[in-house]
Amino acid sequence: MDPVAVLSDAEHQRVWDRFSAEFQFRPGMSPFTWPAIKEPADSVTWSFAALDDDPGDEGLDRLVEVVRRGLASAVGPHGTLLALDWQHTSYRFAPQEVAGVAQRAWPLSPYPDGDYYIYLSEDFRTGSFGHPWEESLCLFGQAFLDSVAAEVDTVLGAPIRRSGRREGPA
């Protein structure tokens, strides 16, 4: 079995409908529509601003590696993840069976490249939401956060939101 599979049209629609309903997804380029999801209670959101001066993309590479490692750990050795690319092809994949030598690459990235990039566990309790216009990354799922938040703080700095609420001075 291929460790990366394109979602069928019917499943793609079902997954996106569920995501839109559960997270109250409201896409938009205007700051008045941000955040574009109802961020879960067990979530932390960081700005990508720290990556603006990232020679050689070292910070970005570290961020991607940390988030991928955390997601793979969160779903366990036999779990799968959904990789959603807004208005494009979406996937189901086995993170433990990708990105090794002679293996397929992870579909998408935690860092959005022009569209919303989303990773979700099958139960939608754990994942990431990359917002291309706010230039932010929301990670959710307590066990996942416990395993990656300190390292993400090191790369991206202090969070901008926790549990959907703005951090710092009002």
N, C-alpha and C. Protein backbone atom coordinates (compact mmCIF):
# COMPACT_ATOMS: atom_id res chain seq x y z
N MET A 1 0.84 -1.18 0.00
CA MET A 1 0.00 0.00 0.00
C MET A 1 0.88 1.25 0.00
N ASP A 2 0.51 2.22 -0.80
CA ASP A 2 1.25 3.47 -0.90
C ASP A 2 1.06 4.26 0.40
N PRO A 3 2.15 4.76 1.01
CA PRO A 3 2.00 5.51 2.26
C PRO A 3 1.39 6.90 2.09
N VAL A 4 1.24 7.36 0.84
CA VAL A 4 0.60 8.65 0.55
C VAL A 4 -0.49 8.41 -0.49
N ALA A 5 -1.73 8.74 -0.15
CA ALA A 5 -2.85 8.52 -1.07
C ALA A 5 -3.64 9.81 -1.24
N VAL A 6 -3.99 10.11 -2.48
CA VAL A 6 -4.83 11.27 -2.78
C VAL A 6 -6.25 10.94 -2.32
N LEU A 7 -6.90 11.88 -1.64
CA LEU A 7 -8.29 11.66 -1.23
C LEU A 7 -9.19 11.66 -2.46
N SER A 8 -10.12 10.73 -2.49
CA SER A 8 -11.10 10.71 -3.58
C SER A 8 -11.92 12.00 -3.51
N ASP A 9 -12.61 12.32 -4.59
CA ASP A 9 -13.44 13.53 -4.60
C ASP A 9 -14.46 13.52 -3.47
N ALA A 10 -15.12 12.37 -3.27
CA ALA A 10 -16.14 12.27 -2.22
C ALA A 10 -15.52 12.44 -0.84
N GLU A 11 -14.39 11.79 -0.60
CA GLU A 11 -13.76 11.91 0.71
C GLU A 11 -13.19 13.32 0.92
N HIS A 12 -12.63 13.89 -0.12
CA HIS A 12 -12.13 15.26 -0.06
C HIS A 12 -13.25 16.20 0.40
N GLN A 13 -14.41 16.06 -0.21
CA GLN A 13 -15.56 16.90 0.15
C GLN A 13 -16.00 16.65 1.59
N ARG A 14 -16.06 15.39 1.98
CA ARG A 14 -16.49 15.03 3.33
C ARG A 14 -15.52 15.60 4.38
N VAL A 15 -14.22 15.45 4.15
CA VAL A 15 -13.22 15.93 5.10
C VAL A 15 -13.27 17.45 5.20
N TRP A 16 -13.33 18.13 4.06
CA TRP A 16 -13.39 19.59 4.08
C TRP A 16 -14.68 20.10 4.73
N ASP A 17 -15.80 19.43 4.47
CA ASP A 17 -17.06 19.82 5.10
C ASP A 17 -16.95 19.69 6.62
N ARG A 18 -16.39 18.58 7.08
CA ARG A 18 -16.23 18.36 8.52
C ARG A 18 -15.27 19.40 9.11
N PHE A 19 -14.14 19.62 8.44
CA PHE A 19 -13.19 20.62 8.93
C PHE A 19 -13.85 22.00 9.02
N SER A 20 -14.53 22.39 7.96
CA SER A 20 -15.19 23.71 7.93
C SER A 20 -16.20 23.86 9.06
N ALA A 21 -16.96 22.80 9.32
CA ALA A 21 -17.97 22.86 10.38
C ALA A 21 -17.32 22.86 11.77
N GLU A 22 -16.40 21.95 12.02
CA GLU A 22 -15.81 21.83 13.36
C GLU A 22 -14.92 23.01 13.72
N PHE A 23 -14.23 23.58 12.74
CA PHE A 23 -13.29 24.67 13.00
C PHE A 23 -13.84 26.03 12.56
N GLN A 24 -15.08 26.04 12.08
CA GLN A 24 -15.71 27.28 11.61
C GLN A 24 -14.79 28.03 10.64
N PHE A 25 -14.26 27.29 9.68
CA PHE A 25 -13.30 27.82 8.71
C PHE A 25 -13.91 28.95 7.90
N ARG A 26 -13.23 30.08 7.87
CA ARG A 26 -13.67 31.24 7.12
C ARG A 26 -12.45 31.84 6.42
N PRO A 27 -12.17 31.37 5.22
CA PRO A 27 -11.00 31.86 4.50
C PRO A 27 -11.13 33.34 4.17
N GLY A 28 -10.00 34.02 4.17
CA GLY A 28 -10.02 35.42 3.80
C GLY A 28 -8.66 36.06 3.95
N MET A 29 -8.40 37.04 3.09
CA MET A 29 -7.13 37.74 3.11
C MET A 29 -7.14 38.96 4.03
N SER A 30 -8.30 39.37 4.48
CA SER A 30 -8.42 40.55 5.33
C SER A 30 -8.15 40.20 6.79
N PRO A 31 -7.37 41.03 7.48
CA PRO A 31 -7.13 40.81 8.91
C PRO A 31 -8.42 40.76 9.73
N PHE A 32 -9.49 41.35 9.23
CA PHE A 32 -10.76 41.32 9.94
C PHE A 32 -11.36 39.92 10.00
N THR A 33 -10.89 38.99 9.15
CA THR A 33 -11.39 37.62 9.13
C THR A 33 -10.48 36.67 9.90
N TRP A 34 -9.39 37.17 10.47
CA TRP A 34 -8.42 36.32 11.15
C TRP A 34 -8.73 36.19 12.63
N PRO A 35 -8.39 35.10 13.24
CA PRO A 35 -7.87 33.89 12.62
C PRO A 35 -8.95 33.24 11.75
N ALA A 36 -8.55 32.45 10.81
CA ALA A 36 -9.48 31.88 9.83
C ALA A 36 -10.20 30.64 10.34
N ILE A 37 -9.86 30.21 11.56
CA ILE A 37 -10.55 29.08 12.18
C ILE A 37 -10.86 29.45 13.63
N LYS A 38 -11.79 28.71 14.19
CA LYS A 38 -12.00 28.80 15.63
C LYS A 38 -10.91 27.92 16.24
N GLU A 39 -9.91 28.57 16.81
CA GLU A 39 -8.78 27.82 17.33
C GLU A 39 -9.20 27.05 18.58
N PRO A 40 -8.84 25.77 18.63
CA PRO A 40 -9.27 24.92 19.75
C PRO A 40 -8.73 25.41 21.09
N ALA A 41 -9.35 24.94 22.17
CA ALA A 41 -8.92 25.30 23.52
C ALA A 41 -7.47 24.88 23.76
N ASP A 42 -7.09 23.73 23.23
CA ASP A 42 -5.71 23.26 23.39
C ASP A 42 -4.90 23.61 22.13
N SER A 43 -4.72 24.94 21.92
CA SER A 43 -3.97 25.39 20.74
C SER A 43 -3.05 26.54 21.10
N VAL A 44 -2.00 26.66 20.31
CA VAL A 44 -1.06 27.77 20.41
C VAL A 44 -0.77 28.22 18.98
N THR A 45 -0.75 29.54 18.77
CA THR A 45 -0.51 30.10 17.44
C THR A 45 0.70 31.02 17.49
N TRP A 46 1.59 30.83 16.52
CA TRP A 46 2.80 31.64 16.40
C TRP A 46 2.78 32.39 15.08
N SER A 47 3.46 33.53 15.06
CA SER A 47 3.69 34.29 13.83
C SER A 47 4.93 33.74 13.15
N PHE A 48 4.96 33.84 11.84
CA PHE A 48 6.15 33.45 11.09
C PHE A 48 7.15 34.61 10.95
N ALA A 49 6.89 35.75 11.60
CA ALA A 49 7.74 36.93 11.45
C ALA A 49 9.21 36.63 11.74
N ALA A 50 9.49 35.74 12.67
CA ALA A 50 10.88 35.41 12.99
C ALA A 50 11.62 34.80 11.81
N LEU A 51 10.88 34.28 10.84
CA LEU A 51 11.52 33.66 9.67
C LEU A 51 11.82 34.67 8.57
N ASP A 52 11.43 35.94 8.78
CA ASP A 52 11.69 36.96 7.76
C ASP A 52 13.19 37.12 7.51
N ASP A 53 13.99 36.97 8.54
CA ASP A 53 15.45 37.05 8.41
C ASP A 53 16.01 35.68 8.78
N ASP A 54 15.93 34.75 7.83
CA ASP A 54 16.30 33.36 8.08
C ASP A 54 17.26 32.89 7.00
N PRO A 55 18.53 33.31 7.10
CA PRO A 55 19.48 32.93 6.06
C PRO A 55 19.56 31.42 5.89
N GLY A 56 19.47 30.99 4.66
CA GLY A 56 19.55 29.56 4.36
C GLY A 56 18.35 28.76 4.82
N ASP A 57 17.30 29.43 5.26
CA ASP A 57 16.08 28.76 5.73
C ASP A 57 16.32 27.78 6.86
N GLU A 58 17.34 28.03 7.67
CA GLU A 58 17.65 27.11 8.77
C GLU A 58 16.52 27.04 9.79
N GLY A 59 15.94 28.19 10.14
CA GLY A 59 14.83 28.21 11.09
C GLY A 59 13.61 27.50 10.53
N LEU A 60 13.31 27.77 9.27
CA LEU A 60 12.17 27.12 8.62
C LEU A 60 12.37 25.61 8.58
N ASP A 61 13.56 25.17 8.21
CA ASP A 61 13.83 23.73 8.16
C ASP A 61 13.67 23.09 9.53
N ARG A 62 14.15 23.78 10.56
CA ARG A 62 14.01 23.24 11.93
C ARG A 62 12.55 23.18 12.33
N LEU A 63 11.79 24.25 12.03
CA LEU A 63 10.36 24.27 12.35
C LEU A 63 9.64 23.10 11.69
N VAL A 64 9.86 22.91 10.40
CA VAL A 64 9.21 21.83 9.66
C VAL A 64 9.55 20.48 10.29
N GLU A 65 10.81 20.28 10.62
CA GLU A 65 11.25 19.01 11.20
C GLU A 65 10.58 18.78 12.56
N VAL A 66 10.53 19.81 13.40
CA VAL A 66 9.93 19.68 14.74
C VAL A 66 8.44 19.36 14.64
N VAL A 67 7.72 20.08 13.78
CA VAL A 67 6.28 19.86 13.65
C VAL A 67 6.02 18.47 13.07
N ARG A 68 6.75 18.09 12.07
CA ARG A 68 6.54 16.75 11.48
C ARG A 68 6.83 15.65 12.48
N ARG A 69 7.92 15.78 13.20
CA ARG A 69 8.27 14.77 14.21
C ARG A 69 7.17 14.69 15.27
N GLY A 70 6.67 15.84 15.72
CA GLY A 70 5.62 15.86 16.73
C GLY A 70 4.31 15.26 16.25
N LEU A 71 3.95 15.56 15.01
CA LEU A 71 2.72 14.98 14.45
C LEU A 71 2.85 13.47 14.31
N ALA A 72 4.00 13.00 13.82
CA ALA A 72 4.21 11.56 13.66
C ALA A 72 4.11 10.86 15.01
N SER A 73 4.70 11.46 16.03
CA SER A 73 4.64 10.88 17.36
C SER A 73 3.20 10.88 17.90
N ALA A 74 2.47 11.96 17.64
CA ALA A 74 1.10 12.08 18.14
C ALA A 74 0.16 11.02 17.58
N VAL A 75 0.37 10.61 16.34
CA VAL A 75 -0.53 9.60 15.75
C VAL A 75 -0.02 8.18 15.95
N GLY A 76 1.19 8.05 16.43
CA GLY A 76 1.72 6.72 16.74
C GLY A 76 2.26 5.98 15.53
N PRO A 77 2.78 4.79 15.78
CA PRO A 77 3.48 4.05 14.73
C PRO A 77 2.60 3.56 13.58
N HIS A 78 1.31 3.45 13.79
CA HIS A 78 0.43 2.94 12.74
C HIS A 78 -0.64 3.94 12.32
N GLY A 79 -0.57 5.15 12.85
CA GLY A 79 -1.59 6.16 12.56
C GLY A 79 -1.38 6.84 11.22
N THR A 80 -2.42 7.54 10.81
CA THR A 80 -2.35 8.30 9.57
C THR A 80 -2.76 9.74 9.84
N LEU A 81 -2.36 10.60 8.93
CA LEU A 81 -2.71 12.02 8.98
C LEU A 81 -3.39 12.41 7.68
N LEU A 82 -4.20 13.45 7.77
CA LEU A 82 -4.76 14.08 6.58
C LEU A 82 -3.92 15.33 6.31
N ALA A 83 -3.61 15.57 5.05
CA ALA A 83 -2.90 16.78 4.64
C ALA A 83 -3.81 17.52 3.67
N LEU A 84 -4.31 18.67 4.11
CA LEU A 84 -5.29 19.42 3.33
C LEU A 84 -4.67 20.68 2.77
N ASP A 85 -4.87 20.88 1.49
CA ASP A 85 -4.39 22.07 0.78
C ASP A 85 -5.64 22.72 0.22
N TRP A 86 -6.00 23.90 0.75
CA TRP A 86 -7.25 24.55 0.38
C TRP A 86 -7.37 24.71 -1.13
N GLN A 87 -8.46 24.22 -1.69
CA GLN A 87 -8.80 24.28 -3.11
C GLN A 87 -7.83 23.52 -4.01
N HIS A 88 -7.12 22.56 -3.43
CA HIS A 88 -6.20 21.72 -4.20
C HIS A 88 -6.30 20.28 -3.70
N THR A 89 -5.48 19.44 -4.24
CA THR A 89 -5.45 18.03 -3.86
C THR A 89 -5.12 17.88 -2.38
N SER A 90 -5.80 16.96 -1.73
CA SER A 90 -5.54 16.65 -0.32
C SER A 90 -5.21 15.16 -0.21
N TYR A 91 -4.59 14.79 0.91
CA TYR A 91 -4.00 13.46 1.04
C TYR A 91 -4.29 12.83 2.39
N ARG A 92 -4.17 11.51 2.44
CA ARG A 92 -4.06 10.74 3.68
C ARG A 92 -2.70 10.05 3.57
N PHE A 93 -1.96 10.08 4.67
CA PHE A 93 -0.64 9.47 4.60
C PHE A 93 -0.20 8.93 5.96
N ALA A 94 0.75 8.01 5.90
CA ALA A 94 1.32 7.40 7.09
C ALA A 94 2.66 8.09 7.38
N PRO A 95 2.71 8.99 8.37
CA PRO A 95 3.92 9.76 8.59
C PRO A 95 5.14 8.92 8.95
N GLN A 96 4.92 7.75 9.52
CA GLN A 96 6.06 6.89 9.87
C GLN A 96 6.69 6.22 8.63
N GLU A 97 5.98 6.30 7.50
CA GLU A 97 6.46 5.62 6.29
C GLU A 97 6.89 6.59 5.20
N VAL A 98 7.07 7.86 5.56
CA VAL A 98 7.51 8.85 4.57
C VAL A 98 8.74 9.59 5.09
N ALA A 99 9.43 10.23 4.18
CA ALA A 99 10.57 11.11 4.46
C ALA A 99 11.85 10.40 4.85
N GLY A 100 11.89 9.11 4.82
CA GLY A 100 13.13 8.40 5.06
C GLY A 100 13.86 8.19 3.74
N VAL A 101 15.03 7.61 3.83
CA VAL A 101 15.80 7.30 2.63
C VAL A 101 14.97 6.38 1.74
N ALA A 102 14.86 6.71 0.47
CA ALA A 102 14.11 5.94 -0.53
C ALA A 102 12.62 5.87 -0.22
N GLN A 103 12.11 6.84 0.54
CA GLN A 103 10.68 6.89 0.83
C GLN A 103 10.08 8.15 0.21
N ARG A 104 8.77 8.15 0.08
CA ARG A 104 8.05 9.32 -0.41
C ARG A 104 8.20 10.49 0.56
N ALA A 105 8.06 11.67 0.05
CA ALA A 105 8.13 12.87 0.88
C ALA A 105 6.78 13.12 1.56
N TRP A 106 6.79 13.88 2.65
CA TRP A 106 5.55 14.33 3.27
C TRP A 106 4.79 15.18 2.27
N PRO A 107 3.50 14.99 2.15
CA PRO A 107 2.75 15.93 1.33
C PRO A 107 2.62 17.25 2.10
N LEU A 108 2.78 18.35 1.40
CA LEU A 108 2.65 19.69 1.97
C LEU A 108 3.72 19.97 3.03
N SER A 109 3.48 21.02 3.79
CA SER A 109 4.41 21.47 4.82
C SER A 109 3.61 22.19 5.90
N PRO A 110 4.12 22.27 7.11
CA PRO A 110 3.44 23.10 8.10
C PRO A 110 3.46 24.58 7.69
N TYR A 111 4.42 24.97 6.88
CA TYR A 111 4.56 26.34 6.42
C TYR A 111 3.73 26.51 5.14
N PRO A 112 2.68 27.34 5.17
CA PRO A 112 1.80 27.47 4.01
C PRO A 112 2.51 28.19 2.86
N ASP A 113 2.31 27.69 1.67
CA ASP A 113 2.95 28.25 0.49
C ASP A 113 1.88 28.77 -0.47
N GLY A 114 1.19 29.83 -0.07
CA GLY A 114 0.20 30.45 -0.94
C GLY A 114 -1.24 30.07 -0.65
N ASP A 115 -1.46 29.00 0.07
CA ASP A 115 -2.80 28.58 0.46
C ASP A 115 -2.74 28.03 1.88
N TYR A 116 -3.91 27.81 2.46
CA TYR A 116 -3.95 27.21 3.79
C TYR A 116 -3.46 25.77 3.69
N TYR A 117 -2.52 25.41 4.56
CA TYR A 117 -2.03 24.04 4.66
C TYR A 117 -2.42 23.53 6.04
N ILE A 118 -3.03 22.36 6.06
CA ILE A 118 -3.58 21.82 7.30
C ILE A 118 -3.17 20.36 7.42
N TYR A 119 -2.68 19.99 8.60
CA TYR A 119 -2.49 18.59 8.94
C TYR A 119 -3.49 18.26 10.03
N LEU A 120 -4.13 17.10 9.92
CA LEU A 120 -5.12 16.67 10.90
C LEU A 120 -4.97 15.20 11.21
N SER A 121 -5.11 14.86 12.48
CA SER A 121 -5.25 13.45 12.83
C SER A 121 -6.63 13.02 12.36
N GLU A 122 -6.83 11.74 12.24
CA GLU A 122 -8.11 11.23 11.74
C GLU A 122 -9.30 11.66 12.61
N ASP A 123 -9.07 11.87 13.91
CA ASP A 123 -10.16 12.31 14.79
C ASP A 123 -10.27 13.84 14.88
N PHE A 124 -9.42 14.56 14.14
CA PHE A 124 -9.42 16.04 14.07
C PHE A 124 -9.03 16.69 15.39
N ARG A 125 -8.46 15.94 16.33
CA ARG A 125 -8.10 16.51 17.64
C ARG A 125 -6.70 17.09 17.67
N THR A 126 -5.87 16.68 16.75
CA THR A 126 -4.47 17.09 16.71
C THR A 126 -4.14 17.56 15.31
N GLY A 127 -3.35 18.61 15.22
CA GLY A 127 -2.95 19.04 13.90
C GLY A 127 -2.32 20.41 13.87
N SER A 128 -2.23 20.92 12.65
CA SER A 128 -1.66 22.24 12.42
C SER A 128 -2.48 22.97 11.36
N PHE A 129 -2.49 24.29 11.48
CA PHE A 129 -3.19 25.13 10.52
C PHE A 129 -2.25 26.26 10.14
N GLY A 130 -1.75 26.21 8.91
CA GLY A 130 -0.87 27.26 8.41
C GLY A 130 -1.68 28.29 7.64
N HIS A 131 -1.61 29.55 8.08
CA HIS A 131 -2.38 30.63 7.47
C HIS A 131 -1.43 31.48 6.62
N PRO A 132 -1.60 31.48 5.28
CA PRO A 132 -0.63 32.16 4.42
C PRO A 132 -0.68 33.68 4.48
N TRP A 133 -1.82 34.27 4.80
CA TRP A 133 -1.93 35.73 4.78
C TRP A 133 -1.70 36.34 6.15
N GLU A 134 -2.12 35.66 7.20
CA GLU A 134 -1.78 36.13 8.54
C GLU A 134 -0.31 35.80 8.83
N GLU A 135 0.22 34.85 8.06
CA GLU A 135 1.58 34.34 8.25
C GLU A 135 1.74 33.79 9.66
N SER A 136 0.90 32.79 9.93
CA SER A 136 0.87 32.19 11.26
C SER A 136 0.72 30.68 11.18
N LEU A 137 1.04 30.06 12.30
CA LEU A 137 0.91 28.61 12.43
C LEU A 137 0.23 28.31 13.75
N CYS A 138 -0.93 27.65 13.67
CA CYS A 138 -1.66 27.21 14.85
C CYS A 138 -1.44 25.70 14.99
N LEU A 139 -0.96 25.29 16.16
CA LEU A 139 -0.80 23.87 16.46
C LEU A 139 -1.79 23.53 17.56
N PHE A 140 -2.41 22.36 17.47
CA PHE A 140 -3.42 21.99 18.46
C PHE A 140 -3.37 20.52 18.78
N GLY A 141 -3.86 20.21 19.97
CA GLY A 141 -3.78 18.86 20.53
C GLY A 141 -2.77 18.89 21.65
N GLN A 142 -3.21 18.66 22.90
CA GLN A 142 -2.34 18.88 24.05
C GLN A 142 -1.07 18.04 24.03
N ALA A 143 -1.16 16.76 23.72
CA ALA A 143 0.05 15.92 23.71
C ALA A 143 1.04 16.41 22.64
N PHE A 144 0.52 16.78 21.49
CA PHE A 144 1.36 17.33 20.41
C PHE A 144 2.03 18.61 20.89
N LEU A 145 1.25 19.53 21.46
CA LEU A 145 1.82 20.78 21.96
C LEU A 145 2.87 20.53 23.03
N ASP A 146 2.59 19.61 23.93
CA ASP A 146 3.55 19.30 24.99
C ASP A 146 4.89 18.86 24.41
N SER A 147 4.85 18.19 23.28
CA SER A 147 6.10 17.66 22.70
C SER A 147 6.84 18.66 21.82
N VAL A 148 6.16 19.71 21.32
CA VAL A 148 6.83 20.60 20.36
C VAL A 148 6.86 22.08 20.73
N ALA A 149 6.02 22.54 21.63
CA ALA A 149 5.87 23.99 21.87
C ALA A 149 7.18 24.67 22.25
N ALA A 150 7.97 24.08 23.12
CA ALA A 150 9.22 24.72 23.53
C ALA A 150 10.17 24.91 22.34
N GLU A 151 10.26 23.91 21.48
CA GLU A 151 11.13 24.03 20.30
C GLU A 151 10.58 25.04 19.30
N VAL A 152 9.25 25.08 19.13
CA VAL A 152 8.66 26.06 18.23
C VAL A 152 8.89 27.46 18.78
N ASP A 153 8.77 27.64 20.10
CA ASP A 153 9.09 28.93 20.71
C ASP A 153 10.52 29.36 20.38
N THR A 154 11.44 28.42 20.41
CA THR A 154 12.84 28.73 20.12
C THR A 154 13.00 29.23 18.69
N VAL A 155 12.26 28.66 17.76
CA VAL A 155 12.37 29.04 16.35
C VAL A 155 11.56 30.30 16.05
N LEU A 156 10.33 30.36 16.52
CA LEU A 156 9.42 31.44 16.13
C LEU A 156 9.22 32.53 17.19
N GLY A 157 9.69 32.30 18.40
CA GLY A 157 9.49 33.28 19.45
C GLY A 157 8.19 33.03 20.19
N ALA A 158 7.80 34.01 20.98
CA ALA A 158 6.59 33.88 21.81
C ALA A 158 5.35 33.76 20.94
N PRO A 159 4.37 32.97 21.39
CA PRO A 159 3.12 32.84 20.64
C PRO A 159 2.35 34.15 20.54
N ILE A 160 1.50 34.24 19.54
CA ILE A 160 0.62 35.40 19.41
C ILE A 160 -0.77 35.11 19.99
N ARG A 161 -1.14 33.82 20.08
CA ARG A 161 -2.42 33.44 20.67
C ARG A 161 -2.28 32.09 21.37
N ARG A 162 -3.08 31.93 22.41
CA ARG A 162 -3.26 30.63 23.08
C ARG A 162 -4.76 30.41 23.18
N SER A 163 -5.21 29.24 22.81
CA SER A 163 -6.64 28.91 22.88
C SER A 163 -7.47 29.96 22.16
N GLY A 164 -6.94 30.53 21.09
CA GLY A 164 -7.66 31.51 20.30
C GLY A 164 -7.67 32.92 20.87
N ARG A 165 -6.99 33.13 22.00
CA ARG A 165 -6.96 34.45 22.63
C ARG A 165 -5.57 35.07 22.46
N ARG A 166 -5.57 36.35 22.08
CA ARG A 166 -4.34 37.09 21.82
C ARG A 166 -3.46 37.12 23.05
N GLU A 167 -2.15 36.96 22.83
CA GLU A 167 -1.15 37.02 23.90
C GLU A 167 -0.64 38.45 24.03
N GLY A 168 -0.11 38.79 25.19
CA GLY A 168 0.55 40.06 25.39
C GLY A 168 -0.41 41.19 25.65
N PRO A 169 0.12 42.43 25.56
CA PRO A 169 -0.71 43.60 25.85
C PRO A 169 -1.84 43.74 24.85
N ALA A 170 -2.96 44.24 25.34
CA ALA A 170 -4.15 44.42 24.47
C ALA A 170 -3.99 45.60 23.55
